[in-house]
Amino acid sequence: MQQRNNRSGGGPGGPGGRGGGGGRGGRRDDRAREQKQEPEGPTYDERVVDIGRTAKVVKGGRKFGFRAVVVVGDNKGTVGVGVGKAREVPDAVRKGTEKARKAMRQYLIAGNSIPHPVTAKFGASQVMLKPATPGTGVIAGGGVRAVLECVGVSDVLTKSLGSSNKLNVVRATVLALSQMQSVEMEAKRRGKNAGDMLPPWRKTNGNAN
């Protein structure tokens, strides 16, 4: 009996058994920890502007659905708008977020404000944007505020004209951002000097930068 025990190489908890602490289980735990510590992708500012309920009349009753308008930006001049439709609110928001990320593009901004005043119209909605002095904040509401904050503008004056449809207001704001040009280009288009186009707080030795 003693010889058989010596040949076995130890019990389940010994060095030769399956319960040893230095086996493959420890390596798998280390790999799992390394994967958890890996940095994730870039983080974006996501805003749900509007969630609307839709109804479709079919044979036997009505089918309800939801439409979510989502704005996604990096607060550094990039923003996108997406519309998601689904039977449930979480699915609609998820689809809208995915579409907004795919639609993200770069827009021209001047520091924490915009280079020049601009007015844009989408459908029956019209939005006016105007640069403001540092510390003014975002004087806007609803979809206009969401788009401007996501793109990285923190000092601006706005006015929403026409229809108050939230989707059209958001589209009009994005259209206004797409019409932004540098001070030099805007001054050339109007036939003026670049220094004359600058607001007082941006005039530094006549430079447009």
N, C-alpha and C. Protein backbone atom coordinates (compact mmCIF):
# COMPACT_ATOMS: atom_id res chain seq x y z
N MET A 1 0.83 -1.21 0.00
CA MET A 1 0.00 0.00 0.00
C MET A 1 0.86 1.26 0.00
N GLN A 2 1.97 1.21 0.74
CA GLN A 2 2.82 2.37 0.80
C GLN A 2 3.49 2.65 -0.54
N GLN A 3 3.88 1.55 -1.27
CA GLN A 3 4.52 1.75 -2.57
C GLN A 3 3.57 2.38 -3.57
N ARG A 4 2.30 1.96 -3.57
CA ARG A 4 1.32 2.54 -4.50
C ARG A 4 1.11 4.03 -4.21
N ASN A 5 1.06 4.41 -2.96
CA ASN A 5 0.87 5.82 -2.64
C ASN A 5 2.06 6.67 -3.08
N ASN A 6 3.27 6.13 -2.99
CA ASN A 6 4.44 6.88 -3.40
C ASN A 6 4.50 7.09 -4.90
N ARG A 7 4.00 6.08 -5.67
CA ARG A 7 4.02 6.21 -7.13
C ARG A 7 2.96 7.19 -7.65
N SER A 8 1.92 7.46 -6.90
CA SER A 8 0.82 8.28 -7.40
C SER A 8 1.23 9.74 -7.62
N GLY A 9 2.28 10.22 -6.97
CA GLY A 9 2.75 11.59 -7.20
C GLY A 9 1.98 12.63 -6.42
N GLY A 10 1.25 12.24 -5.38
CA GLY A 10 0.54 13.22 -4.56
C GLY A 10 -0.94 13.19 -4.79
N GLY A 11 -1.68 13.82 -3.91
CA GLY A 11 -3.14 13.84 -3.98
C GLY A 11 -3.65 14.92 -4.91
N PRO A 12 -4.96 15.16 -4.93
CA PRO A 12 -5.54 16.16 -5.83
C PRO A 12 -5.01 17.55 -5.58
N GLY A 13 -4.61 17.83 -4.32
CA GLY A 13 -4.13 19.18 -4.03
C GLY A 13 -2.64 19.32 -4.12
N GLY A 14 -1.91 18.23 -4.44
CA GLY A 14 -0.47 18.27 -4.50
C GLY A 14 0.05 18.84 -5.80
N PRO A 15 1.36 18.87 -5.94
CA PRO A 15 1.95 19.44 -7.16
C PRO A 15 1.59 18.67 -8.40
N GLY A 16 1.38 17.36 -8.29
CA GLY A 16 1.08 16.58 -9.49
C GLY A 16 -0.40 16.45 -9.76
N GLY A 17 -1.25 17.01 -8.93
CA GLY A 17 -2.70 16.86 -9.12
C GLY A 17 -3.28 17.97 -9.97
N ARG A 18 -4.59 17.92 -10.18
CA ARG A 18 -5.29 18.89 -11.01
C ARG A 18 -5.58 20.19 -10.26
N GLY A 19 -5.46 20.17 -8.95
CA GLY A 19 -5.82 21.37 -8.20
C GLY A 19 -4.67 22.31 -7.97
N GLY A 20 -3.54 22.14 -8.67
CA GLY A 20 -2.40 23.02 -8.48
C GLY A 20 -2.70 24.45 -8.91
N GLY A 21 -2.11 25.44 -8.22
CA GLY A 21 -2.39 26.84 -8.52
C GLY A 21 -1.66 27.37 -9.74
N GLY A 22 -0.68 26.63 -10.25
CA GLY A 22 0.09 27.16 -11.38
C GLY A 22 -0.35 26.62 -12.71
N GLY A 23 -1.61 26.16 -12.86
CA GLY A 23 -2.08 25.55 -14.10
C GLY A 23 -2.55 26.58 -15.10
N ARG A 24 -3.38 26.11 -16.07
CA ARG A 24 -3.84 26.98 -17.14
C ARG A 24 -4.88 27.96 -16.67
N GLY A 25 -5.58 27.63 -15.58
CA GLY A 25 -6.62 28.55 -15.11
C GLY A 25 -6.08 29.91 -14.75
N GLY A 26 -4.88 29.95 -14.13
CA GLY A 26 -4.30 31.23 -13.78
C GLY A 26 -3.95 32.07 -15.00
N ARG A 27 -3.47 31.41 -16.09
CA ARG A 27 -3.14 32.14 -17.31
C ARG A 27 -4.39 32.74 -17.96
N ARG A 28 -5.48 31.99 -17.94
CA ARG A 28 -6.72 32.51 -18.52
C ARG A 28 -7.21 33.73 -17.75
N ASP A 29 -7.09 33.70 -16.43
CA ASP A 29 -7.51 34.85 -15.63
C ASP A 29 -6.66 36.08 -15.96
N ASP A 30 -5.35 35.87 -16.16
CA ASP A 30 -4.48 36.99 -16.49
C ASP A 30 -4.84 37.59 -17.85
N ARG A 31 -5.14 36.72 -18.82
CA ARG A 31 -5.53 37.22 -20.15
C ARG A 31 -6.83 38.01 -20.06
N ALA A 32 -7.79 37.52 -19.28
CA ALA A 32 -9.06 38.23 -19.13
C ALA A 32 -8.85 39.61 -18.51
N ARG A 33 -7.95 39.70 -17.53
CA ARG A 33 -7.68 40.99 -16.91
C ARG A 33 -7.02 41.95 -17.90
N GLU A 34 -6.11 41.44 -18.73
CA GLU A 34 -5.46 42.29 -19.72
C GLU A 34 -6.46 42.82 -20.73
N GLN A 35 -7.41 41.99 -21.13
CA GLN A 35 -8.43 42.44 -22.08
C GLN A 35 -9.31 43.51 -21.47
N LYS A 36 -9.63 43.40 -20.19
CA LYS A 36 -10.46 44.40 -19.55
C LYS A 36 -9.73 45.73 -19.41
N GLN A 37 -8.42 45.71 -19.27
CA GLN A 37 -7.65 46.92 -19.07
C GLN A 37 -7.30 47.63 -20.37
N GLU A 38 -7.59 47.02 -21.51
CA GLU A 38 -7.30 47.64 -22.80
C GLU A 38 -8.16 48.89 -22.98
N PRO A 39 -7.61 50.00 -23.46
CA PRO A 39 -8.39 51.23 -23.63
C PRO A 39 -9.46 51.06 -24.69
N GLU A 40 -10.60 51.67 -24.44
CA GLU A 40 -11.71 51.61 -25.38
C GLU A 40 -11.54 52.68 -26.44
N GLY A 41 -12.49 52.73 -27.40
CA GLY A 41 -12.42 53.69 -28.47
C GLY A 41 -12.74 55.09 -27.98
N PRO A 42 -12.76 56.06 -28.89
CA PRO A 42 -13.04 57.44 -28.50
C PRO A 42 -14.45 57.60 -27.95
N THR A 43 -14.59 58.46 -26.97
CA THR A 43 -15.89 58.71 -26.36
C THR A 43 -16.53 59.92 -27.04
N TYR A 44 -17.85 59.84 -27.23
CA TYR A 44 -18.59 60.90 -27.89
C TYR A 44 -19.70 61.41 -26.98
N ASP A 45 -20.10 62.63 -27.25
CA ASP A 45 -21.21 63.25 -26.53
C ASP A 45 -22.49 62.91 -27.30
N GLU A 46 -23.35 62.12 -26.67
CA GLU A 46 -24.57 61.66 -27.32
C GLU A 46 -25.79 62.33 -26.67
N ARG A 47 -26.65 62.90 -27.49
CA ARG A 47 -27.85 63.57 -27.00
C ARG A 47 -29.07 63.04 -27.74
N VAL A 48 -30.08 62.65 -26.98
CA VAL A 48 -31.36 62.25 -27.56
C VAL A 48 -32.25 63.49 -27.59
N VAL A 49 -32.49 64.02 -28.78
CA VAL A 49 -33.23 65.27 -28.92
C VAL A 49 -34.73 65.04 -28.80
N ASP A 50 -35.22 64.00 -29.41
CA ASP A 50 -36.68 63.80 -29.44
C ASP A 50 -36.99 62.32 -29.62
N ILE A 51 -38.05 61.88 -28.95
CA ILE A 51 -38.59 60.53 -29.11
C ILE A 51 -40.07 60.66 -29.39
N GLY A 52 -40.47 60.29 -30.58
CA GLY A 52 -41.87 60.39 -30.98
C GLY A 52 -42.49 59.03 -31.20
N ARG A 53 -43.78 58.94 -30.93
CA ARG A 53 -44.49 57.68 -31.12
C ARG A 53 -45.33 57.75 -32.39
N THR A 54 -45.26 56.71 -33.18
CA THR A 54 -46.02 56.62 -34.41
C THR A 54 -46.99 55.44 -34.33
N ALA A 55 -48.07 55.54 -35.06
CA ALA A 55 -49.09 54.48 -35.07
C ALA A 55 -49.47 54.16 -36.51
N LYS A 56 -49.58 52.87 -36.78
CA LYS A 56 -49.98 52.40 -38.10
C LYS A 56 -51.23 51.53 -37.96
N VAL A 57 -52.28 51.92 -38.66
CA VAL A 57 -53.54 51.18 -38.58
C VAL A 57 -53.49 49.99 -39.53
N VAL A 58 -53.64 48.80 -38.98
CA VAL A 58 -53.62 47.57 -39.76
C VAL A 58 -54.87 46.76 -39.43
N LYS A 59 -55.04 45.69 -40.16
CA LYS A 59 -56.18 44.84 -39.92
C LYS A 59 -56.08 44.20 -38.53
N GLY A 60 -57.02 44.47 -37.72
CA GLY A 60 -57.02 43.92 -36.37
C GLY A 60 -56.56 44.90 -35.30
N GLY A 61 -56.21 46.14 -35.66
CA GLY A 61 -55.79 47.10 -34.64
C GLY A 61 -54.74 48.06 -35.16
N ARG A 62 -53.94 48.58 -34.23
CA ARG A 62 -52.90 49.53 -34.58
C ARG A 62 -51.54 49.04 -34.06
N LYS A 63 -50.52 49.29 -34.86
CA LYS A 63 -49.16 48.95 -34.47
C LYS A 63 -48.41 50.24 -34.13
N PHE A 64 -47.81 50.26 -32.95
CA PHE A 64 -47.11 51.45 -32.49
C PHE A 64 -45.60 51.28 -32.69
N GLY A 65 -44.96 52.37 -33.02
CA GLY A 65 -43.51 52.40 -33.17
C GLY A 65 -42.97 53.69 -32.60
N PHE A 66 -41.65 53.80 -32.56
CA PHE A 66 -41.00 54.98 -31.98
C PHE A 66 -39.91 55.48 -32.93
N ARG A 67 -39.76 56.80 -32.95
CA ARG A 67 -38.73 57.45 -33.74
C ARG A 67 -37.86 58.29 -32.82
N ALA A 68 -36.56 58.07 -32.84
CA ALA A 68 -35.63 58.78 -31.98
C ALA A 68 -34.68 59.62 -32.83
N VAL A 69 -34.54 60.89 -32.46
CA VAL A 69 -33.59 61.80 -33.11
C VAL A 69 -32.39 61.95 -32.17
N VAL A 70 -31.20 61.55 -32.64
CA VAL A 70 -30.01 61.51 -31.81
C VAL A 70 -28.92 62.36 -32.45
N VAL A 71 -28.22 63.12 -31.61
CA VAL A 71 -27.08 63.95 -32.05
C VAL A 71 -25.83 63.44 -31.34
N VAL A 72 -24.77 63.20 -32.10
CA VAL A 72 -23.51 62.68 -31.56
C VAL A 72 -22.38 63.59 -32.02
N GLY A 73 -21.50 63.98 -31.08
CA GLY A 73 -20.35 64.82 -31.42
C GLY A 73 -19.19 64.57 -30.49
N ASP A 74 -18.02 65.09 -30.87
CA ASP A 74 -16.82 64.91 -30.05
C ASP A 74 -16.41 66.19 -29.32
N ASN A 75 -17.25 67.25 -29.39
CA ASN A 75 -16.96 68.54 -28.76
C ASN A 75 -15.70 69.20 -29.31
N LYS A 76 -15.26 68.78 -30.50
CA LYS A 76 -14.05 69.34 -31.10
C LYS A 76 -14.27 69.71 -32.57
N GLY A 77 -15.53 69.99 -32.93
CA GLY A 77 -15.81 70.39 -34.30
C GLY A 77 -16.46 69.33 -35.16
N THR A 78 -16.72 68.16 -34.60
CA THR A 78 -17.33 67.07 -35.36
C THR A 78 -18.69 66.73 -34.77
N VAL A 79 -19.69 66.57 -35.61
CA VAL A 79 -21.04 66.25 -35.14
C VAL A 79 -21.79 65.52 -36.24
N GLY A 80 -22.78 64.72 -35.82
CA GLY A 80 -23.62 63.98 -36.76
C GLY A 80 -25.01 63.81 -36.20
N VAL A 81 -25.99 63.66 -37.08
CA VAL A 81 -27.40 63.50 -36.70
C VAL A 81 -27.92 62.20 -37.28
N GLY A 82 -28.67 61.46 -36.48
CA GLY A 82 -29.25 60.20 -36.93
C GLY A 82 -30.68 60.04 -36.45
N VAL A 83 -31.45 59.35 -37.24
CA VAL A 83 -32.86 59.06 -36.91
C VAL A 83 -33.04 57.56 -36.90
N GLY A 84 -33.51 57.03 -35.76
CA GLY A 84 -33.74 55.60 -35.62
C GLY A 84 -35.20 55.29 -35.40
N LYS A 85 -35.68 54.24 -36.05
CA LYS A 85 -37.08 53.83 -35.92
C LYS A 85 -37.13 52.35 -35.51
N ALA A 86 -37.97 52.06 -34.52
CA ALA A 86 -38.10 50.68 -34.05
C ALA A 86 -39.39 50.55 -33.25
N ARG A 87 -39.70 49.30 -32.87
CA ARG A 87 -40.90 49.04 -32.08
C ARG A 87 -40.72 49.42 -30.62
N GLU A 88 -39.46 49.44 -30.16
CA GLU A 88 -39.17 49.78 -28.77
C GLU A 88 -38.23 50.98 -28.74
N VAL A 89 -38.33 51.76 -27.64
CA VAL A 89 -37.53 52.97 -27.51
C VAL A 89 -36.02 52.68 -27.49
N PRO A 90 -35.52 51.71 -26.70
CA PRO A 90 -34.07 51.45 -26.71
C PRO A 90 -33.52 51.10 -28.08
N ASP A 91 -34.27 50.32 -28.85
CA ASP A 91 -33.81 49.95 -30.19
C ASP A 91 -33.78 51.18 -31.10
N ALA A 92 -34.77 52.05 -30.97
CA ALA A 92 -34.79 53.26 -31.79
C ALA A 92 -33.62 54.16 -31.46
N VAL A 93 -33.30 54.31 -30.17
CA VAL A 93 -32.16 55.15 -29.77
C VAL A 93 -30.85 54.54 -30.26
N ARG A 94 -30.74 53.22 -30.16
CA ARG A 94 -29.51 52.57 -30.61
C ARG A 94 -29.31 52.76 -32.12
N LYS A 95 -30.37 52.59 -32.89
CA LYS A 95 -30.25 52.77 -34.34
C LYS A 95 -29.92 54.22 -34.68
N GLY A 96 -30.57 55.16 -33.97
CA GLY A 96 -30.27 56.56 -34.22
C GLY A 96 -28.83 56.92 -33.89
N THR A 97 -28.30 56.34 -32.81
CA THR A 97 -26.91 56.60 -32.44
C THR A 97 -25.95 56.06 -33.48
N GLU A 98 -26.22 54.86 -33.98
CA GLU A 98 -25.35 54.27 -35.00
C GLU A 98 -25.36 55.11 -36.27
N LYS A 99 -26.53 55.58 -36.69
CA LYS A 99 -26.61 56.40 -37.89
C LYS A 99 -25.92 57.75 -37.69
N ALA A 100 -26.06 58.31 -36.48
CA ALA A 100 -25.42 59.60 -36.20
C ALA A 100 -23.90 59.48 -36.24
N ARG A 101 -23.37 58.37 -35.72
CA ARG A 101 -21.91 58.19 -35.74
C ARG A 101 -21.41 58.03 -37.17
N LYS A 102 -22.18 57.35 -38.01
CA LYS A 102 -21.76 57.20 -39.40
C LYS A 102 -21.84 58.52 -40.17
N ALA A 103 -22.75 59.41 -39.73
CA ALA A 103 -22.95 60.68 -40.43
C ALA A 103 -22.08 61.81 -39.88
N MET A 104 -21.20 61.52 -38.93
CA MET A 104 -20.36 62.57 -38.34
C MET A 104 -19.40 63.15 -39.37
N ARG A 105 -19.25 64.47 -39.34
CA ARG A 105 -18.31 65.15 -40.21
C ARG A 105 -17.78 66.39 -39.51
N GLN A 106 -16.69 66.92 -40.03
CA GLN A 106 -16.00 68.06 -39.41
C GLN A 106 -16.61 69.37 -39.90
N TYR A 107 -16.78 70.33 -38.96
CA TYR A 107 -17.30 71.66 -39.29
C TYR A 107 -16.32 72.71 -38.78
N LEU A 108 -16.37 73.87 -39.39
CA LEU A 108 -15.45 74.95 -39.05
C LEU A 108 -16.01 75.76 -37.89
N ILE A 109 -15.26 75.85 -36.81
CA ILE A 109 -15.63 76.70 -35.67
C ILE A 109 -14.42 77.56 -35.33
N ALA A 110 -14.68 78.65 -34.62
CA ALA A 110 -13.62 79.59 -34.24
C ALA A 110 -13.49 79.59 -32.72
N GLY A 111 -12.58 78.76 -32.21
CA GLY A 111 -12.43 78.67 -30.76
C GLY A 111 -13.66 78.07 -30.11
N ASN A 112 -14.28 78.82 -29.22
CA ASN A 112 -15.51 78.38 -28.56
C ASN A 112 -16.76 78.96 -29.21
N SER A 113 -16.60 79.65 -30.34
CA SER A 113 -17.74 80.26 -31.01
C SER A 113 -17.70 79.91 -32.49
N ILE A 114 -18.42 80.68 -33.30
CA ILE A 114 -18.48 80.46 -34.74
C ILE A 114 -17.82 81.65 -35.44
N PRO A 115 -17.34 81.48 -36.67
CA PRO A 115 -16.60 82.56 -37.33
C PRO A 115 -17.45 83.78 -37.66
N HIS A 116 -18.70 83.59 -38.08
CA HIS A 116 -19.50 84.72 -38.54
C HIS A 116 -20.98 84.36 -38.42
N PRO A 117 -21.87 85.36 -38.47
CA PRO A 117 -23.32 85.05 -38.42
C PRO A 117 -23.76 84.30 -39.67
N VAL A 118 -24.78 83.46 -39.48
CA VAL A 118 -25.29 82.67 -40.60
C VAL A 118 -26.74 82.31 -40.32
N THR A 119 -27.50 82.19 -41.38
CA THR A 119 -28.91 81.78 -41.29
C THR A 119 -29.14 80.66 -42.29
N ALA A 120 -29.80 79.60 -41.84
CA ALA A 120 -30.06 78.45 -42.69
C ALA A 120 -31.51 78.01 -42.52
N LYS A 121 -32.06 77.44 -43.59
CA LYS A 121 -33.44 77.00 -43.58
C LYS A 121 -33.52 75.56 -44.06
N PHE A 122 -34.27 74.75 -43.32
CA PHE A 122 -34.51 73.36 -43.72
C PHE A 122 -36.00 73.10 -43.55
N GLY A 123 -36.67 72.81 -44.66
CA GLY A 123 -38.11 72.64 -44.59
C GLY A 123 -38.77 73.96 -44.22
N ALA A 124 -39.62 73.93 -43.20
CA ALA A 124 -40.28 75.14 -42.72
C ALA A 124 -39.57 75.74 -41.51
N SER A 125 -38.44 75.16 -41.11
CA SER A 125 -37.69 75.65 -39.95
C SER A 125 -36.51 76.49 -40.42
N GLN A 126 -36.24 77.56 -39.69
CA GLN A 126 -35.13 78.46 -40.00
C GLN A 126 -34.38 78.77 -38.72
N VAL A 127 -33.06 78.72 -38.78
CA VAL A 127 -32.21 78.92 -37.61
C VAL A 127 -31.18 79.99 -37.93
N MET A 128 -31.01 80.93 -37.00
CA MET A 128 -30.00 81.98 -37.13
C MET A 128 -28.96 81.79 -36.03
N LEU A 129 -27.68 81.79 -36.41
CA LEU A 129 -26.57 81.66 -35.47
C LEU A 129 -25.71 82.91 -35.55
N LYS A 130 -25.25 83.38 -34.37
CA LYS A 130 -24.46 84.59 -34.31
C LYS A 130 -23.37 84.42 -33.26
N PRO A 131 -22.10 84.76 -33.56
CA PRO A 131 -21.04 84.62 -32.56
C PRO A 131 -21.26 85.53 -31.37
N ALA A 132 -20.74 85.10 -30.22
CA ALA A 132 -20.93 85.84 -28.98
C ALA A 132 -19.61 85.95 -28.23
N THR A 133 -19.55 86.90 -27.30
CA THR A 133 -18.34 87.12 -26.52
C THR A 133 -18.07 85.94 -25.60
N PRO A 134 -16.81 85.69 -25.23
CA PRO A 134 -16.50 84.59 -24.30
C PRO A 134 -17.23 84.76 -22.98
N GLY A 135 -17.79 83.66 -22.51
CA GLY A 135 -18.55 83.67 -21.27
C GLY A 135 -20.04 83.83 -21.45
N THR A 136 -20.48 84.05 -22.68
CA THR A 136 -21.92 84.21 -22.92
C THR A 136 -22.68 82.93 -22.71
N GLY A 137 -22.11 81.81 -23.16
CA GLY A 137 -22.80 80.54 -23.09
C GLY A 137 -23.57 80.26 -24.36
N VAL A 138 -24.27 79.15 -24.38
CA VAL A 138 -25.09 78.77 -25.53
C VAL A 138 -26.51 79.26 -25.29
N ILE A 139 -26.87 80.35 -25.94
CA ILE A 139 -28.21 80.89 -25.82
C ILE A 139 -29.07 80.22 -26.88
N ALA A 140 -29.58 79.06 -26.54
CA ALA A 140 -30.37 78.28 -27.48
C ALA A 140 -31.19 77.27 -26.69
N GLY A 141 -32.06 76.61 -27.38
CA GLY A 141 -32.89 75.60 -26.72
C GLY A 141 -33.18 74.45 -27.65
N GLY A 142 -33.54 73.31 -27.06
CA GLY A 142 -33.96 72.16 -27.84
C GLY A 142 -32.85 71.59 -28.69
N GLY A 143 -33.19 71.33 -29.95
CA GLY A 143 -32.25 70.70 -30.85
C GLY A 143 -31.07 71.58 -31.21
N VAL A 144 -31.25 72.90 -31.24
CA VAL A 144 -30.14 73.80 -31.57
C VAL A 144 -29.05 73.70 -30.52
N ARG A 145 -29.42 73.68 -29.25
CA ARG A 145 -28.45 73.57 -28.17
C ARG A 145 -27.70 72.24 -28.25
N ALA A 146 -28.42 71.16 -28.50
CA ALA A 146 -27.78 69.84 -28.57
C ALA A 146 -26.72 69.79 -29.65
N VAL A 147 -27.02 70.33 -30.82
CA VAL A 147 -26.06 70.29 -31.93
C VAL A 147 -24.85 71.15 -31.62
N LEU A 148 -25.07 72.36 -31.11
CA LEU A 148 -23.96 73.28 -30.88
C LEU A 148 -23.05 72.78 -29.75
N GLU A 149 -23.63 72.23 -28.70
CA GLU A 149 -22.80 71.72 -27.61
C GLU A 149 -22.02 70.49 -28.03
N CYS A 150 -22.62 69.63 -28.84
CA CYS A 150 -21.92 68.44 -29.30
C CYS A 150 -20.78 68.79 -30.25
N VAL A 151 -20.94 69.85 -31.03
CA VAL A 151 -19.89 70.23 -31.97
C VAL A 151 -18.75 70.97 -31.26
N GLY A 152 -19.01 71.49 -30.06
CA GLY A 152 -17.95 72.15 -29.30
C GLY A 152 -18.08 73.65 -29.18
N VAL A 153 -19.23 74.22 -29.53
CA VAL A 153 -19.46 75.66 -29.42
C VAL A 153 -20.07 75.95 -28.04
N SER A 154 -19.44 76.88 -27.32
CA SER A 154 -19.91 77.21 -25.97
C SER A 154 -20.34 78.65 -25.82
N ASP A 155 -20.08 79.51 -26.84
CA ASP A 155 -20.48 80.92 -26.78
C ASP A 155 -21.12 81.28 -28.11
N VAL A 156 -22.45 81.39 -28.11
CA VAL A 156 -23.15 81.67 -29.37
C VAL A 156 -24.56 82.17 -29.04
N LEU A 157 -25.07 83.02 -29.92
CA LEU A 157 -26.44 83.50 -29.84
C LEU A 157 -27.23 82.87 -30.98
N THR A 158 -28.44 82.41 -30.70
CA THR A 158 -29.24 81.73 -31.73
C THR A 158 -30.68 82.22 -31.67
N LYS A 159 -31.36 81.99 -32.76
CA LYS A 159 -32.78 82.29 -32.85
C LYS A 159 -33.43 81.29 -33.79
N SER A 160 -34.46 80.62 -33.31
CA SER A 160 -35.19 79.64 -34.13
C SER A 160 -36.42 80.31 -34.71
N LEU A 161 -36.52 80.28 -36.02
CA LEU A 161 -37.64 80.91 -36.73
C LEU A 161 -38.44 79.86 -37.47
N GLY A 162 -39.70 80.16 -37.73
CA GLY A 162 -40.52 79.24 -38.50
C GLY A 162 -41.03 78.08 -37.67
N SER A 163 -41.07 76.91 -38.29
CA SER A 163 -41.61 75.72 -37.64
C SER A 163 -40.71 75.28 -36.49
N SER A 164 -41.35 74.70 -35.46
CA SER A 164 -40.61 74.20 -34.29
C SER A 164 -40.41 72.69 -34.34
N ASN A 165 -40.59 72.09 -35.51
CA ASN A 165 -40.35 70.66 -35.65
C ASN A 165 -38.91 70.36 -35.27
N LYS A 166 -38.71 69.49 -34.28
CA LYS A 166 -37.37 69.29 -33.71
C LYS A 166 -36.39 68.71 -34.73
N LEU A 167 -36.85 67.79 -35.55
CA LEU A 167 -35.96 67.21 -36.54
C LEU A 167 -35.53 68.25 -37.56
N ASN A 168 -36.48 69.06 -38.04
CA ASN A 168 -36.14 70.10 -39.01
C ASN A 168 -35.23 71.17 -38.40
N VAL A 169 -35.45 71.49 -37.11
CA VAL A 169 -34.59 72.46 -36.44
C VAL A 169 -33.16 71.94 -36.35
N VAL A 170 -33.02 70.66 -36.02
CA VAL A 170 -31.68 70.06 -35.95
C VAL A 170 -31.02 70.07 -37.32
N ARG A 171 -31.79 69.68 -38.35
CA ARG A 171 -31.23 69.69 -39.71
C ARG A 171 -30.82 71.10 -40.14
N ALA A 172 -31.62 72.09 -39.78
CA ALA A 172 -31.29 73.47 -40.13
C ALA A 172 -30.02 73.94 -39.42
N THR A 173 -29.84 73.52 -38.17
CA THR A 173 -28.63 73.90 -37.44
C THR A 173 -27.39 73.28 -38.07
N VAL A 174 -27.48 72.02 -38.45
CA VAL A 174 -26.35 71.36 -39.11
C VAL A 174 -26.07 72.02 -40.46
N LEU A 175 -27.12 72.40 -41.16
CA LEU A 175 -26.94 73.09 -42.44
C LEU A 175 -26.25 74.43 -42.24
N ALA A 176 -26.60 75.13 -41.17
CA ALA A 176 -25.94 76.40 -40.88
C ALA A 176 -24.45 76.20 -40.58
N LEU A 177 -24.13 75.15 -39.86
CA LEU A 177 -22.72 74.86 -39.58
C LEU A 177 -21.95 74.54 -40.85
N SER A 178 -22.62 73.87 -41.79
CA SER A 178 -21.94 73.52 -43.04
C SER A 178 -21.65 74.73 -43.89
N GLN A 179 -22.33 75.85 -43.64
CA GLN A 179 -22.11 77.07 -44.42
C GLN A 179 -21.02 77.96 -43.82
N MET A 180 -20.43 77.51 -42.70
CA MET A 180 -19.37 78.30 -42.07
C MET A 180 -18.13 78.32 -42.95
N GLN A 181 -17.52 79.51 -43.05
CA GLN A 181 -16.29 79.70 -43.81
C GLN A 181 -15.31 80.47 -42.95
N SER A 182 -14.06 80.43 -43.34
CA SER A 182 -13.05 81.20 -42.62
C SER A 182 -13.31 82.69 -42.82
N VAL A 183 -12.75 83.49 -41.93
CA VAL A 183 -12.95 84.94 -42.00
C VAL A 183 -12.41 85.50 -43.31
N GLU A 184 -11.27 84.98 -43.78
CA GLU A 184 -10.69 85.47 -45.02
C GLU A 184 -11.61 85.22 -46.21
N MET A 185 -12.19 84.01 -46.29
CA MET A 185 -13.07 83.68 -47.41
C MET A 185 -14.35 84.50 -47.37
N GLU A 186 -14.90 84.67 -46.17
CA GLU A 186 -16.13 85.44 -46.04
C GLU A 186 -15.88 86.92 -46.37
N ALA A 187 -14.73 87.46 -45.94
CA ALA A 187 -14.41 88.85 -46.26
C ALA A 187 -14.20 89.04 -47.76
N LYS A 188 -13.58 88.05 -48.41
CA LYS A 188 -13.37 88.14 -49.85
C LYS A 188 -14.70 88.09 -50.59
N ARG A 189 -15.61 87.27 -50.09
CA ARG A 189 -16.93 87.17 -50.76
C ARG A 189 -17.70 88.47 -50.63
N ARG A 190 -17.56 89.15 -49.49
CA ARG A 190 -18.28 90.41 -49.28
C ARG A 190 -17.51 91.64 -49.76
N GLY A 191 -16.27 91.44 -50.18
CA GLY A 191 -15.48 92.56 -50.65
C GLY A 191 -14.99 93.45 -49.53
N LYS A 192 -14.66 92.89 -48.38
CA LYS A 192 -14.18 93.67 -47.24
C LYS A 192 -12.85 93.11 -46.76
N ASN A 193 -12.24 93.84 -45.84
CA ASN A 193 -11.01 93.38 -45.22
C ASN A 193 -11.31 92.36 -44.13
N ALA A 194 -10.39 91.42 -43.92
CA ALA A 194 -10.61 90.40 -42.91
C ALA A 194 -10.70 91.00 -41.52
N GLY A 195 -9.93 92.06 -41.25
CA GLY A 195 -9.98 92.70 -39.93
C GLY A 195 -11.32 93.33 -39.64
N ASP A 196 -12.00 93.85 -40.69
CA ASP A 196 -13.31 94.46 -40.48
C ASP A 196 -14.39 93.44 -40.16
N MET A 197 -14.15 92.18 -40.55
CA MET A 197 -15.15 91.14 -40.31
C MET A 197 -15.06 90.55 -38.91
N LEU A 198 -13.94 90.80 -38.22
CA LEU A 198 -13.75 90.20 -36.91
C LEU A 198 -14.55 90.95 -35.85
N PRO A 199 -15.10 90.24 -34.88
CA PRO A 199 -15.74 90.91 -33.74
C PRO A 199 -14.68 91.58 -32.87
N PRO A 200 -15.06 92.52 -32.02
CA PRO A 200 -14.07 93.26 -31.23
C PRO A 200 -13.19 92.37 -30.37
N TRP A 201 -13.74 91.29 -29.78
CA TRP A 201 -12.94 90.46 -28.88
C TRP A 201 -11.95 89.56 -29.61
N ARG A 202 -12.04 89.49 -30.93
CA ARG A 202 -11.10 88.68 -31.70
C ARG A 202 -10.09 89.50 -32.47
N LYS A 203 -10.19 90.80 -32.40
CA LYS A 203 -9.25 91.65 -33.12
C LYS A 203 -7.95 91.75 -32.32
N THR A 204 -6.91 91.12 -32.86
CA THR A 204 -5.59 91.13 -32.24
C THR A 204 -4.56 91.53 -33.28
N ASN A 205 -4.21 92.81 -33.23
CA ASN A 205 -3.21 93.33 -34.18
C ASN A 205 -3.63 93.14 -35.63
N GLY A 206 -4.95 93.14 -35.86
CA GLY A 206 -5.44 93.03 -37.23
C GLY A 206 -5.39 91.64 -37.81
N ASN A 207 -5.03 90.62 -37.00
CA ASN A 207 -4.96 89.25 -37.50
C ASN A 207 -6.33 88.60 -37.41
N ALA A 208 -6.64 87.72 -38.37
CA ALA A 208 -7.93 87.05 -38.39
C ALA A 208 -7.91 85.77 -37.58
N ASN A 209 -6.74 85.32 -37.11
CA ASN A 209 -6.65 84.07 -36.38
C ASN A 209 -7.02 84.26 -34.92
